[in-house]
Amino acid sequence: MDTQQKIIDTAIIVLNENFSATFEEIAVRCNLNRRTLHRYFKNRNDLLEACNKNMMKAWEEAAIKACNSSSNPIEQLENLLYAGIDSGTRYAFLIKLNEIEPTYTTETGENYLKARTDLFSAIQKLQKKKLIDSELPLPWIRILFTNSITATITAYRSGDIAPNEIKKLAWNSFSRSIGLQLNKQK
């Protein structure tokens, strides 16, 4: 692993533990001095931008993998939810930062956009087949999906719910909120 990626990976860990961590604290955890850190990143904001790009790249890869994991759109949706939870847990500080002040933007990859479009088209087909509540507009389903991930990450970080159960709880909550009829699926 190159030094720049090591810094990004370490910064993600440090900032998830303490979002107020200084550039100096990140350098110490990287086993580097602050001057070396400045060779790769001008300032803390530059490092946060790199972390955000790293997050978006990792999220896109995980989302594409989830959407390609099965030909069954319900399984794809479930796997995408799990991928969102995993990604959101790893990058929780950035999600919170972007909620407070949406500062960081990155280009969205073509493969990711296609996978997302295909999946949400499949959701509409499931609605037509009455497997998902047809009264729910697609934007509403997207919001429920995103907020299910956010709620799961919050619950995970609280430590109040067993980590091995949390993803299934998220899927059960989300699938029921969209009226998914699992017993009609086949």
N, C-alpha and C. Protein backbone atom coordinates (compact mmCIF):
# COMPACT_ATOMS: atom_id res chain seq x y z
N MET A 1 0.85 -1.17 0.00
CA MET A 1 0.00 0.00 0.00
C MET A 1 0.90 1.24 0.00
N ASP A 2 0.54 2.21 -0.82
CA ASP A 2 1.36 3.42 -0.86
C ASP A 2 1.05 4.33 0.34
N THR A 3 1.94 5.26 0.58
CA THR A 3 1.84 6.12 1.76
C THR A 3 0.57 6.95 1.75
N GLN A 4 0.20 7.48 0.60
CA GLN A 4 -1.00 8.31 0.53
C GLN A 4 -2.24 7.50 0.93
N GLN A 5 -2.36 6.28 0.43
CA GLN A 5 -3.52 5.45 0.79
C GLN A 5 -3.47 5.07 2.26
N LYS A 6 -2.28 4.83 2.78
CA LYS A 6 -2.13 4.51 4.21
C LYS A 6 -2.65 5.69 5.06
N ILE A 7 -2.32 6.89 4.64
CA ILE A 7 -2.78 8.09 5.36
C ILE A 7 -4.30 8.17 5.31
N ILE A 8 -4.88 7.96 4.14
CA ILE A 8 -6.33 8.03 4.00
C ILE A 8 -6.99 6.98 4.87
N ASP A 9 -6.52 5.75 4.80
CA ASP A 9 -7.11 4.66 5.60
C ASP A 9 -7.02 4.94 7.10
N THR A 10 -5.87 5.45 7.52
CA THR A 10 -5.68 5.77 8.94
C THR A 10 -6.55 6.95 9.35
N ALA A 11 -6.64 7.95 8.49
CA ALA A 11 -7.47 9.12 8.78
C ALA A 11 -8.93 8.71 8.96
N ILE A 12 -9.40 7.79 8.15
CA ILE A 12 -10.78 7.31 8.27
C ILE A 12 -11.01 6.70 9.65
N ILE A 13 -10.09 5.88 10.08
CA ILE A 13 -10.21 5.25 11.40
C ILE A 13 -10.18 6.31 12.51
N VAL A 14 -9.20 7.20 12.44
CA VAL A 14 -9.02 8.23 13.47
C VAL A 14 -10.23 9.16 13.53
N LEU A 15 -10.70 9.61 12.37
CA LEU A 15 -11.81 10.56 12.34
C LEU A 15 -13.14 9.92 12.72
N ASN A 16 -13.27 8.63 12.52
CA ASN A 16 -14.47 7.95 13.02
C ASN A 16 -14.46 7.88 14.53
N GLU A 17 -13.27 7.76 15.11
CA GLU A 17 -13.15 7.74 16.57
C GLU A 17 -13.32 9.13 17.15
N ASN A 18 -12.76 10.14 16.47
CA ASN A 18 -12.79 11.50 16.97
C ASN A 18 -12.73 12.46 15.79
N PHE A 19 -13.90 12.97 15.41
CA PHE A 19 -13.94 13.83 14.22
C PHE A 19 -13.12 15.10 14.40
N SER A 20 -12.86 15.50 15.61
CA SER A 20 -12.07 16.71 15.87
C SER A 20 -10.57 16.45 15.85
N ALA A 21 -10.17 15.24 15.55
CA ALA A 21 -8.73 14.92 15.54
C ALA A 21 -7.97 15.88 14.63
N THR A 22 -6.82 16.28 15.11
CA THR A 22 -6.00 17.23 14.37
C THR A 22 -5.16 16.53 13.32
N PHE A 23 -4.60 17.31 12.45
CA PHE A 23 -3.67 16.81 11.44
C PHE A 23 -2.50 16.11 12.13
N GLU A 24 -2.05 16.70 13.23
CA GLU A 24 -0.94 16.13 14.01
C GLU A 24 -1.31 14.74 14.56
N GLU A 25 -2.50 14.61 15.10
CA GLU A 25 -2.94 13.31 15.65
C GLU A 25 -3.03 12.25 14.55
N ILE A 26 -3.48 12.65 13.40
CA ILE A 26 -3.55 11.72 12.27
C ILE A 26 -2.14 11.30 11.87
N ALA A 27 -1.22 12.26 11.81
CA ALA A 27 0.17 11.95 11.46
C ALA A 27 0.78 10.96 12.44
N VAL A 28 0.54 11.16 13.72
CA VAL A 28 1.08 10.26 14.75
C VAL A 28 0.54 8.85 14.55
N ARG A 29 -0.76 8.73 14.30
CA ARG A 29 -1.34 7.40 14.09
C ARG A 29 -0.82 6.74 12.82
N CYS A 30 -0.38 7.54 11.88
CA CYS A 30 0.21 7.01 10.63
C CYS A 30 1.69 6.67 10.80
N ASN A 31 2.22 6.96 11.98
CA ASN A 31 3.67 6.83 12.23
C ASN A 31 4.48 7.71 11.29
N LEU A 32 3.95 8.91 11.06
CA LEU A 32 4.61 9.90 10.22
C LEU A 32 4.67 11.21 11.00
N ASN A 33 5.53 12.10 10.55
CA ASN A 33 5.48 13.43 11.16
C ASN A 33 4.56 14.32 10.33
N ARG A 34 4.17 15.41 10.92
CA ARG A 34 3.21 16.31 10.28
C ARG A 34 3.74 16.82 8.94
N ARG A 35 5.01 17.05 8.87
CA ARG A 35 5.62 17.56 7.63
C ARG A 35 5.45 16.56 6.49
N THR A 36 5.63 15.27 6.80
CA THR A 36 5.44 14.24 5.77
C THR A 36 3.99 14.21 5.33
N LEU A 37 3.08 14.34 6.27
CA LEU A 37 1.66 14.36 5.95
C LEU A 37 1.34 15.52 4.99
N HIS A 38 1.98 16.66 5.22
CA HIS A 38 1.78 17.83 4.36
C HIS A 38 2.32 17.62 2.95
N ARG A 39 3.22 16.70 2.76
CA ARG A 39 3.70 16.40 1.40
C ARG A 39 2.58 15.81 0.56
N TYR A 40 1.66 15.10 1.21
CA TYR A 40 0.57 14.43 0.50
C TYR A 40 -0.72 15.23 0.50
N PHE A 41 -0.94 15.99 1.58
CA PHE A 41 -2.18 16.76 1.71
C PHE A 41 -1.85 18.14 2.26
N LYS A 42 -2.34 19.17 1.57
CA LYS A 42 -2.04 20.55 1.98
C LYS A 42 -2.53 20.87 3.38
N ASN A 43 -3.73 20.36 3.70
CA ASN A 43 -4.35 20.66 4.98
C ASN A 43 -5.40 19.60 5.31
N ARG A 44 -6.05 19.77 6.41
CA ARG A 44 -7.06 18.80 6.86
C ARG A 44 -8.19 18.68 5.85
N ASN A 45 -8.61 19.80 5.29
CA ASN A 45 -9.70 19.79 4.33
C ASN A 45 -9.32 18.99 3.07
N ASP A 46 -8.09 19.11 2.63
CA ASP A 46 -7.59 18.35 1.48
C ASP A 46 -7.63 16.85 1.80
N LEU A 47 -7.27 16.50 3.02
CA LEU A 47 -7.32 15.10 3.45
C LEU A 47 -8.77 14.61 3.51
N LEU A 48 -9.68 15.44 4.02
CA LEU A 48 -11.10 15.07 4.06
C LEU A 48 -11.65 14.85 2.65
N GLU A 49 -11.24 15.67 1.72
CA GLU A 49 -11.65 15.51 0.32
C GLU A 49 -11.17 14.16 -0.23
N ALA A 50 -9.94 13.80 0.08
CA ALA A 50 -9.40 12.51 -0.37
C ALA A 50 -10.16 11.35 0.28
N CYS A 51 -10.51 11.50 1.55
CA CYS A 51 -11.30 10.46 2.24
C CYS A 51 -12.66 10.32 1.58
N ASN A 52 -13.26 11.45 1.21
CA ASN A 52 -14.57 11.42 0.56
C ASN A 52 -14.49 10.70 -0.79
N LYS A 53 -13.47 11.00 -1.57
CA LYS A 53 -13.29 10.32 -2.86
C LYS A 53 -13.10 8.83 -2.66
N ASN A 54 -12.34 8.47 -1.64
CA ASN A 54 -12.12 7.07 -1.31
C ASN A 54 -13.44 6.40 -0.95
N MET A 55 -14.26 7.08 -0.15
CA MET A 55 -15.56 6.55 0.24
C MET A 55 -16.45 6.33 -0.98
N MET A 56 -16.52 7.31 -1.85
CA MET A 56 -17.41 7.20 -3.01
C MET A 56 -16.95 6.08 -3.94
N LYS A 57 -15.67 5.94 -4.11
CA LYS A 57 -15.15 4.86 -4.96
C LYS A 57 -15.49 3.50 -4.35
N ALA A 58 -15.26 3.37 -3.05
CA ALA A 58 -15.56 2.11 -2.37
C ALA A 58 -17.06 1.82 -2.40
N TRP A 59 -17.89 2.86 -2.20
CA TRP A 59 -19.33 2.68 -2.22
C TRP A 59 -19.79 2.23 -3.61
N GLU A 60 -19.28 2.88 -4.64
CA GLU A 60 -19.69 2.51 -5.99
C GLU A 60 -19.32 1.06 -6.30
N GLU A 61 -18.12 0.65 -5.92
CA GLU A 61 -17.70 -0.73 -6.15
C GLU A 61 -18.60 -1.71 -5.39
N ALA A 62 -18.91 -1.40 -4.14
CA ALA A 62 -19.77 -2.27 -3.33
C ALA A 62 -21.19 -2.31 -3.89
N ALA A 63 -21.69 -1.18 -4.36
CA ALA A 63 -23.04 -1.12 -4.90
C ALA A 63 -23.14 -1.92 -6.20
N ILE A 64 -22.16 -1.78 -7.06
CA ILE A 64 -22.16 -2.54 -8.31
C ILE A 64 -22.09 -4.03 -8.02
N LYS A 65 -21.24 -4.41 -7.08
CA LYS A 65 -21.12 -5.82 -6.70
C LYS A 65 -22.46 -6.34 -6.16
N ALA A 66 -23.12 -5.55 -5.33
CA ALA A 66 -24.41 -5.96 -4.76
C ALA A 66 -25.47 -6.11 -5.86
N CYS A 67 -25.47 -5.17 -6.79
CA CYS A 67 -26.47 -5.23 -7.87
C CYS A 67 -26.19 -6.38 -8.83
N ASN A 68 -24.94 -6.79 -8.94
CA ASN A 68 -24.58 -7.90 -9.82
C ASN A 68 -24.57 -9.24 -9.09
N SER A 69 -24.93 -9.24 -7.82
CA SER A 69 -24.83 -10.44 -6.99
C SER A 69 -25.90 -11.49 -7.31
N SER A 70 -26.93 -11.06 -7.98
CA SER A 70 -28.05 -11.97 -8.23
C SER A 70 -28.86 -11.40 -9.40
N SER A 71 -29.65 -12.25 -10.02
CA SER A 71 -30.58 -11.76 -11.03
C SER A 71 -31.92 -11.41 -10.40
N ASN A 72 -32.10 -11.76 -9.13
CA ASN A 72 -33.32 -11.48 -8.40
C ASN A 72 -33.24 -10.07 -7.82
N PRO A 73 -34.11 -9.15 -8.25
CA PRO A 73 -34.02 -7.77 -7.77
C PRO A 73 -34.23 -7.62 -6.26
N ILE A 74 -34.98 -8.52 -5.65
CA ILE A 74 -35.17 -8.45 -4.20
C ILE A 74 -33.86 -8.78 -3.49
N GLU A 75 -33.16 -9.80 -3.96
CA GLU A 75 -31.85 -10.13 -3.39
C GLU A 75 -30.85 -9.01 -3.65
N GLN A 76 -30.92 -8.41 -4.83
CA GLN A 76 -30.04 -7.28 -5.14
C GLN A 76 -30.29 -6.14 -4.17
N LEU A 77 -31.55 -5.85 -3.94
CA LEU A 77 -31.91 -4.76 -3.03
C LEU A 77 -31.43 -5.05 -1.61
N GLU A 78 -31.61 -6.28 -1.17
CA GLU A 78 -31.14 -6.66 0.16
C GLU A 78 -29.62 -6.54 0.25
N ASN A 79 -28.92 -7.03 -0.76
CA ASN A 79 -27.45 -6.95 -0.77
C ASN A 79 -26.97 -5.51 -0.85
N LEU A 80 -27.71 -4.68 -1.58
CA LEU A 80 -27.35 -3.26 -1.66
C LEU A 80 -27.52 -2.58 -0.30
N LEU A 81 -28.58 -2.95 0.41
CA LEU A 81 -28.77 -2.40 1.76
C LEU A 81 -27.60 -2.79 2.65
N TYR A 82 -27.20 -4.04 2.61
CA TYR A 82 -26.07 -4.51 3.42
C TYR A 82 -24.78 -3.79 3.03
N ALA A 83 -24.58 -3.59 1.73
CA ALA A 83 -23.39 -2.87 1.27
C ALA A 83 -23.41 -1.43 1.77
N GLY A 84 -24.58 -0.82 1.76
CA GLY A 84 -24.71 0.54 2.27
C GLY A 84 -24.41 0.64 3.75
N ILE A 85 -24.85 -0.36 4.49
CA ILE A 85 -24.57 -0.40 5.93
C ILE A 85 -23.08 -0.56 6.17
N ASP A 86 -22.45 -1.49 5.47
CA ASP A 86 -21.01 -1.69 5.63
C ASP A 86 -20.23 -0.43 5.27
N SER A 87 -20.57 0.17 4.16
CA SER A 87 -19.86 1.38 3.72
C SER A 87 -20.13 2.54 4.69
N GLY A 88 -21.37 2.69 5.08
CA GLY A 88 -21.72 3.78 5.99
C GLY A 88 -21.06 3.65 7.34
N THR A 89 -20.91 2.41 7.81
CA THR A 89 -20.25 2.18 9.09
C THR A 89 -18.77 2.56 9.00
N ARG A 90 -18.14 2.19 7.90
CA ARG A 90 -16.71 2.49 7.73
C ARG A 90 -16.46 3.99 7.58
N TYR A 91 -17.38 4.69 6.94
CA TYR A 91 -17.18 6.11 6.64
C TYR A 91 -18.17 7.01 7.39
N ALA A 92 -18.56 6.62 8.58
CA ALA A 92 -19.60 7.34 9.32
C ALA A 92 -19.29 8.83 9.49
N PHE A 93 -18.04 9.17 9.74
CA PHE A 93 -17.71 10.58 9.98
C PHE A 93 -17.97 11.42 8.73
N LEU A 94 -17.74 10.86 7.55
CA LEU A 94 -17.97 11.62 6.32
C LEU A 94 -19.45 11.79 6.04
N ILE A 95 -20.22 10.78 6.35
CA ILE A 95 -21.66 10.88 6.14
C ILE A 95 -22.21 12.00 7.03
N LYS A 96 -21.78 12.00 8.28
CA LYS A 96 -22.22 13.05 9.21
C LYS A 96 -21.74 14.42 8.73
N LEU A 97 -20.50 14.51 8.28
CA LEU A 97 -19.96 15.78 7.79
C LEU A 97 -20.77 16.29 6.60
N ASN A 98 -21.10 15.42 5.67
CA ASN A 98 -21.84 15.84 4.49
C ASN A 98 -23.29 16.19 4.82
N GLU A 99 -23.84 15.64 5.91
CA GLU A 99 -25.18 16.02 6.35
C GLU A 99 -25.16 17.44 6.90
N ILE A 100 -24.12 17.77 7.64
CA ILE A 100 -24.00 19.09 8.26
C ILE A 100 -23.73 20.15 7.20
N GLU A 101 -22.75 19.88 6.37
CA GLU A 101 -22.33 20.84 5.36
C GLU A 101 -21.88 20.09 4.11
N PRO A 102 -22.79 19.90 3.14
CA PRO A 102 -22.42 19.15 1.95
C PRO A 102 -21.34 19.89 1.16
N THR A 103 -20.11 19.55 1.44
CA THR A 103 -18.97 20.23 0.87
C THR A 103 -18.32 19.43 -0.23
N TYR A 104 -18.35 18.13 -0.10
CA TYR A 104 -17.57 17.27 -0.98
C TYR A 104 -18.44 16.64 -2.05
N THR A 105 -18.01 16.80 -3.27
CA THR A 105 -18.71 16.16 -4.38
C THR A 105 -17.70 15.37 -5.19
N THR A 106 -18.18 14.30 -5.77
CA THR A 106 -17.33 13.50 -6.65
C THR A 106 -18.16 13.07 -7.84
N GLU A 107 -17.47 12.80 -8.92
CA GLU A 107 -18.14 12.30 -10.10
C GLU A 107 -18.70 10.92 -9.83
N THR A 108 -19.88 10.67 -10.30
CA THR A 108 -20.49 9.37 -10.15
C THR A 108 -20.16 8.55 -11.39
N GLY A 109 -19.69 7.34 -11.17
CA GLY A 109 -19.27 6.47 -12.27
C GLY A 109 -20.43 5.97 -13.10
N GLU A 110 -20.17 5.77 -14.37
CA GLU A 110 -21.18 5.31 -15.32
C GLU A 110 -21.74 3.93 -14.94
N ASN A 111 -20.87 3.01 -14.54
CA ASN A 111 -21.32 1.66 -14.16
C ASN A 111 -22.23 1.71 -12.94
N TYR A 112 -21.89 2.57 -12.00
CA TYR A 112 -22.71 2.73 -10.80
C TYR A 112 -24.09 3.28 -11.17
N LEU A 113 -24.12 4.31 -12.00
CA LEU A 113 -25.40 4.90 -12.40
C LEU A 113 -26.27 3.88 -13.12
N LYS A 114 -25.66 3.07 -13.96
CA LYS A 114 -26.42 2.04 -14.68
C LYS A 114 -26.98 1.01 -13.70
N ALA A 115 -26.15 0.54 -12.77
CA ALA A 115 -26.61 -0.46 -11.80
C ALA A 115 -27.76 0.11 -10.96
N ARG A 116 -27.62 1.34 -10.52
CA ARG A 116 -28.66 1.97 -9.71
C ARG A 116 -29.95 2.15 -10.51
N THR A 117 -29.82 2.60 -11.75
CA THR A 117 -31.00 2.78 -12.61
C THR A 117 -31.70 1.45 -12.86
N ASP A 118 -30.92 0.41 -13.16
CA ASP A 118 -31.50 -0.92 -13.39
C ASP A 118 -32.23 -1.43 -12.16
N LEU A 119 -31.64 -1.23 -11.00
CA LEU A 119 -32.27 -1.72 -9.77
C LEU A 119 -33.58 -0.98 -9.48
N PHE A 120 -33.57 0.33 -9.63
CA PHE A 120 -34.79 1.06 -9.36
C PHE A 120 -35.85 0.82 -10.43
N SER A 121 -35.44 0.47 -11.64
CA SER A 121 -36.41 0.04 -12.66
C SER A 121 -37.03 -1.30 -12.24
N ALA A 122 -36.20 -2.16 -11.69
CA ALA A 122 -36.70 -3.46 -11.21
C ALA A 122 -37.69 -3.27 -10.07
N ILE A 123 -37.44 -2.28 -9.22
CA ILE A 123 -38.39 -2.00 -8.13
C ILE A 123 -39.74 -1.61 -8.71
N GLN A 124 -39.74 -0.80 -9.74
CA GLN A 124 -40.99 -0.41 -10.38
C GLN A 124 -41.71 -1.63 -10.96
N LYS A 125 -40.97 -2.56 -11.52
CA LYS A 125 -41.57 -3.79 -12.04
C LYS A 125 -42.16 -4.61 -10.89
N LEU A 126 -41.46 -4.65 -9.76
CA LEU A 126 -41.99 -5.36 -8.60
C LEU A 126 -43.27 -4.71 -8.09
N GLN A 127 -43.34 -3.40 -8.21
CA GLN A 127 -44.57 -2.70 -7.83
C GLN A 127 -45.72 -3.08 -8.76
N LYS A 128 -45.42 -3.19 -10.04
CA LYS A 128 -46.46 -3.59 -10.99
C LYS A 128 -46.94 -5.01 -10.74
N LYS A 129 -46.06 -5.87 -10.26
CA LYS A 129 -46.42 -7.25 -9.93
C LYS A 129 -47.06 -7.35 -8.54
N LYS A 130 -47.21 -6.20 -7.87
CA LYS A 130 -47.79 -6.13 -6.53
C LYS A 130 -46.94 -6.83 -5.47
N LEU A 131 -45.62 -6.93 -5.71
CA LEU A 131 -44.71 -7.48 -4.71
C LEU A 131 -44.21 -6.40 -3.76
N ILE A 132 -44.30 -5.15 -4.22
CA ILE A 132 -43.97 -3.97 -3.42
C ILE A 132 -45.16 -3.04 -3.53
N ASP A 133 -45.47 -2.34 -2.45
CA ASP A 133 -46.59 -1.41 -2.42
C ASP A 133 -46.52 -0.45 -3.61
N SER A 134 -47.50 -0.55 -4.48
CA SER A 134 -47.50 0.26 -5.71
C SER A 134 -47.89 1.72 -5.46
N GLU A 135 -48.36 2.02 -4.26
CA GLU A 135 -48.74 3.39 -3.92
C GLU A 135 -47.52 4.25 -3.55
N LEU A 136 -46.39 3.60 -3.26
CA LEU A 136 -45.20 4.34 -2.83
C LEU A 136 -44.43 4.87 -4.05
N PRO A 137 -44.25 6.18 -4.12
CA PRO A 137 -43.45 6.71 -5.22
C PRO A 137 -41.97 6.29 -5.07
N LEU A 138 -41.31 6.10 -6.19
CA LEU A 138 -39.91 5.67 -6.18
C LEU A 138 -39.01 6.60 -5.35
N PRO A 139 -39.18 7.92 -5.43
CA PRO A 139 -38.34 8.78 -4.57
C PRO A 139 -38.54 8.48 -3.08
N TRP A 140 -39.76 8.12 -2.69
CA TRP A 140 -40.03 7.78 -1.30
C TRP A 140 -39.27 6.51 -0.92
N ILE A 141 -39.27 5.54 -1.79
CA ILE A 141 -38.55 4.29 -1.53
C ILE A 141 -37.06 4.57 -1.39
N ARG A 142 -36.52 5.43 -2.25
CA ARG A 142 -35.09 5.80 -2.15
C ARG A 142 -34.78 6.43 -0.80
N ILE A 143 -35.66 7.32 -0.36
CA ILE A 143 -35.47 7.99 0.93
C ILE A 143 -35.53 6.98 2.07
N LEU A 144 -36.51 6.09 2.02
CA LEU A 144 -36.61 5.04 3.04
C LEU A 144 -35.35 4.18 3.06
N PHE A 145 -34.87 3.85 1.89
CA PHE A 145 -33.67 3.03 1.77
C PHE A 145 -32.47 3.72 2.44
N THR A 146 -32.25 4.96 2.08
CA THR A 146 -31.13 5.73 2.63
C THR A 146 -31.26 5.89 4.14
N ASN A 147 -32.47 6.20 4.59
CA ASN A 147 -32.67 6.40 6.02
C ASN A 147 -32.61 5.10 6.80
N SER A 148 -32.93 3.99 6.16
CA SER A 148 -32.75 2.68 6.82
C SER A 148 -31.28 2.44 7.09
N ILE A 149 -30.44 2.80 6.13
CA ILE A 149 -28.99 2.66 6.32
C ILE A 149 -28.52 3.57 7.44
N THR A 150 -28.96 4.82 7.42
CA THR A 150 -28.56 5.77 8.46
C THR A 150 -28.99 5.30 9.84
N ALA A 151 -30.21 4.83 9.97
CA ALA A 151 -30.70 4.35 11.26
C ALA A 151 -29.91 3.14 11.72
N THR A 152 -29.56 2.28 10.80
CA THR A 152 -28.79 1.08 11.14
C THR A 152 -27.40 1.45 11.63
N ILE A 153 -26.78 2.39 10.96
CA ILE A 153 -25.44 2.83 11.36
C ILE A 153 -25.50 3.46 12.75
N THR A 154 -26.51 4.26 13.00
CA THR A 154 -26.68 4.88 14.32
C THR A 154 -26.87 3.80 15.39
N ALA A 155 -27.70 2.82 15.10
CA ALA A 155 -27.93 1.73 16.06
C ALA A 155 -26.66 0.93 16.28
N TYR A 156 -25.94 0.66 15.22
CA TYR A 156 -24.69 -0.09 15.32
C TYR A 156 -23.69 0.65 16.21
N ARG A 157 -23.53 1.93 15.95
CA ARG A 157 -22.56 2.73 16.71
C ARG A 157 -22.98 2.91 18.17
N SER A 158 -24.28 2.81 18.46
CA SER A 158 -24.73 2.96 19.85
C SER A 158 -24.34 1.76 20.69
N GLY A 159 -24.20 0.60 20.04
CA GLY A 159 -23.85 -0.62 20.76
C GLY A 159 -25.03 -1.26 21.46
N ASP A 160 -26.23 -0.72 21.26
CA ASP A 160 -27.41 -1.25 21.94
C ASP A 160 -27.99 -2.49 21.28
N ILE A 161 -27.59 -2.75 20.04
CA ILE A 161 -28.13 -3.88 19.30
C ILE A 161 -26.98 -4.77 18.86
N ALA A 162 -27.17 -6.08 18.98
CA ALA A 162 -26.12 -7.03 18.63
C ALA A 162 -25.73 -6.86 17.15
N PRO A 163 -24.43 -6.67 16.90
CA PRO A 163 -23.96 -6.45 15.52
C PRO A 163 -24.35 -7.57 14.55
N ASN A 164 -24.43 -8.80 15.05
CA ASN A 164 -24.77 -9.90 14.15
C ASN A 164 -26.24 -9.89 13.75
N GLU A 165 -27.07 -9.13 14.43
CA GLU A 165 -28.50 -9.06 14.13
C GLU A 165 -28.89 -7.81 13.37
N ILE A 166 -28.03 -6.83 13.35
CA ILE A 166 -28.43 -5.51 12.91
C ILE A 166 -28.80 -5.43 11.43
N LYS A 167 -28.09 -6.16 10.58
CA LYS A 167 -28.40 -6.11 9.16
C LYS A 167 -29.75 -6.74 8.87
N LYS A 168 -30.03 -7.85 9.51
CA LYS A 168 -31.34 -8.50 9.30
C LYS A 168 -32.47 -7.62 9.82
N LEU A 169 -32.24 -6.95 10.94
CA LEU A 169 -33.25 -6.01 11.45
C LEU A 169 -33.49 -4.89 10.43
N ALA A 170 -32.42 -4.39 9.85
CA ALA A 170 -32.54 -3.33 8.85
C ALA A 170 -33.33 -3.81 7.65
N TRP A 171 -33.00 -5.01 7.17
CA TRP A 171 -33.71 -5.54 6.00
C TRP A 171 -35.19 -5.78 6.33
N ASN A 172 -35.48 -6.35 7.48
CA ASN A 172 -36.87 -6.57 7.86
C ASN A 172 -37.64 -5.26 7.95
N SER A 173 -37.02 -4.25 8.54
CA SER A 173 -37.68 -2.94 8.67
C SER A 173 -37.92 -2.31 7.30
N PHE A 174 -36.87 -2.30 6.47
CA PHE A 174 -37.01 -1.67 5.15
C PHE A 174 -38.01 -2.43 4.29
N SER A 175 -37.87 -3.75 4.21
CA SER A 175 -38.75 -4.53 3.33
C SER A 175 -40.22 -4.38 3.74
N ARG A 176 -40.46 -4.34 5.03
CA ARG A 176 -41.84 -4.14 5.49
C ARG A 176 -42.33 -2.73 5.21
N SER A 177 -41.44 -1.75 5.31
CA SER A 177 -41.86 -0.36 5.09
C SER A 177 -42.26 -0.11 3.63
N ILE A 178 -41.76 -0.92 2.71
CA ILE A 178 -42.16 -0.76 1.31
C ILE A 178 -43.22 -1.79 0.91
N GLY A 179 -43.69 -2.54 1.90
CA GLY A 179 -44.74 -3.51 1.64
C GLY A 179 -44.29 -4.70 0.82
N LEU A 180 -43.03 -5.05 0.95
CA LEU A 180 -42.48 -6.18 0.18
C LEU A 180 -43.17 -7.47 0.60
N GLN A 181 -43.68 -8.18 -0.35
CA GLN A 181 -44.38 -9.43 -0.11
C GLN A 181 -43.43 -10.59 -0.43
N LEU A 182 -42.64 -11.00 0.54
CA LEU A 182 -41.67 -12.04 0.30
C LEU A 182 -42.31 -13.39 0.00
N ASN A 183 -43.46 -13.64 0.57
CA ASN A 183 -44.11 -14.93 0.33
C ASN A 183 -44.70 -15.05 -1.07
N LYS A 184 -44.90 -13.95 -1.78
CA LYS A 184 -45.44 -13.96 -3.14
C LYS A 184 -44.31 -13.98 -4.18
N GLN A 185 -43.10 -13.83 -3.71
CA GLN A 185 -41.95 -13.58 -4.57
C GLN A 185 -41.80 -14.56 -5.73
N LYS A 186 -42.01 -15.81 -5.56
CA LYS A 186 -41.70 -16.79 -6.59
C LYS A 186 -42.83 -16.90 -7.54
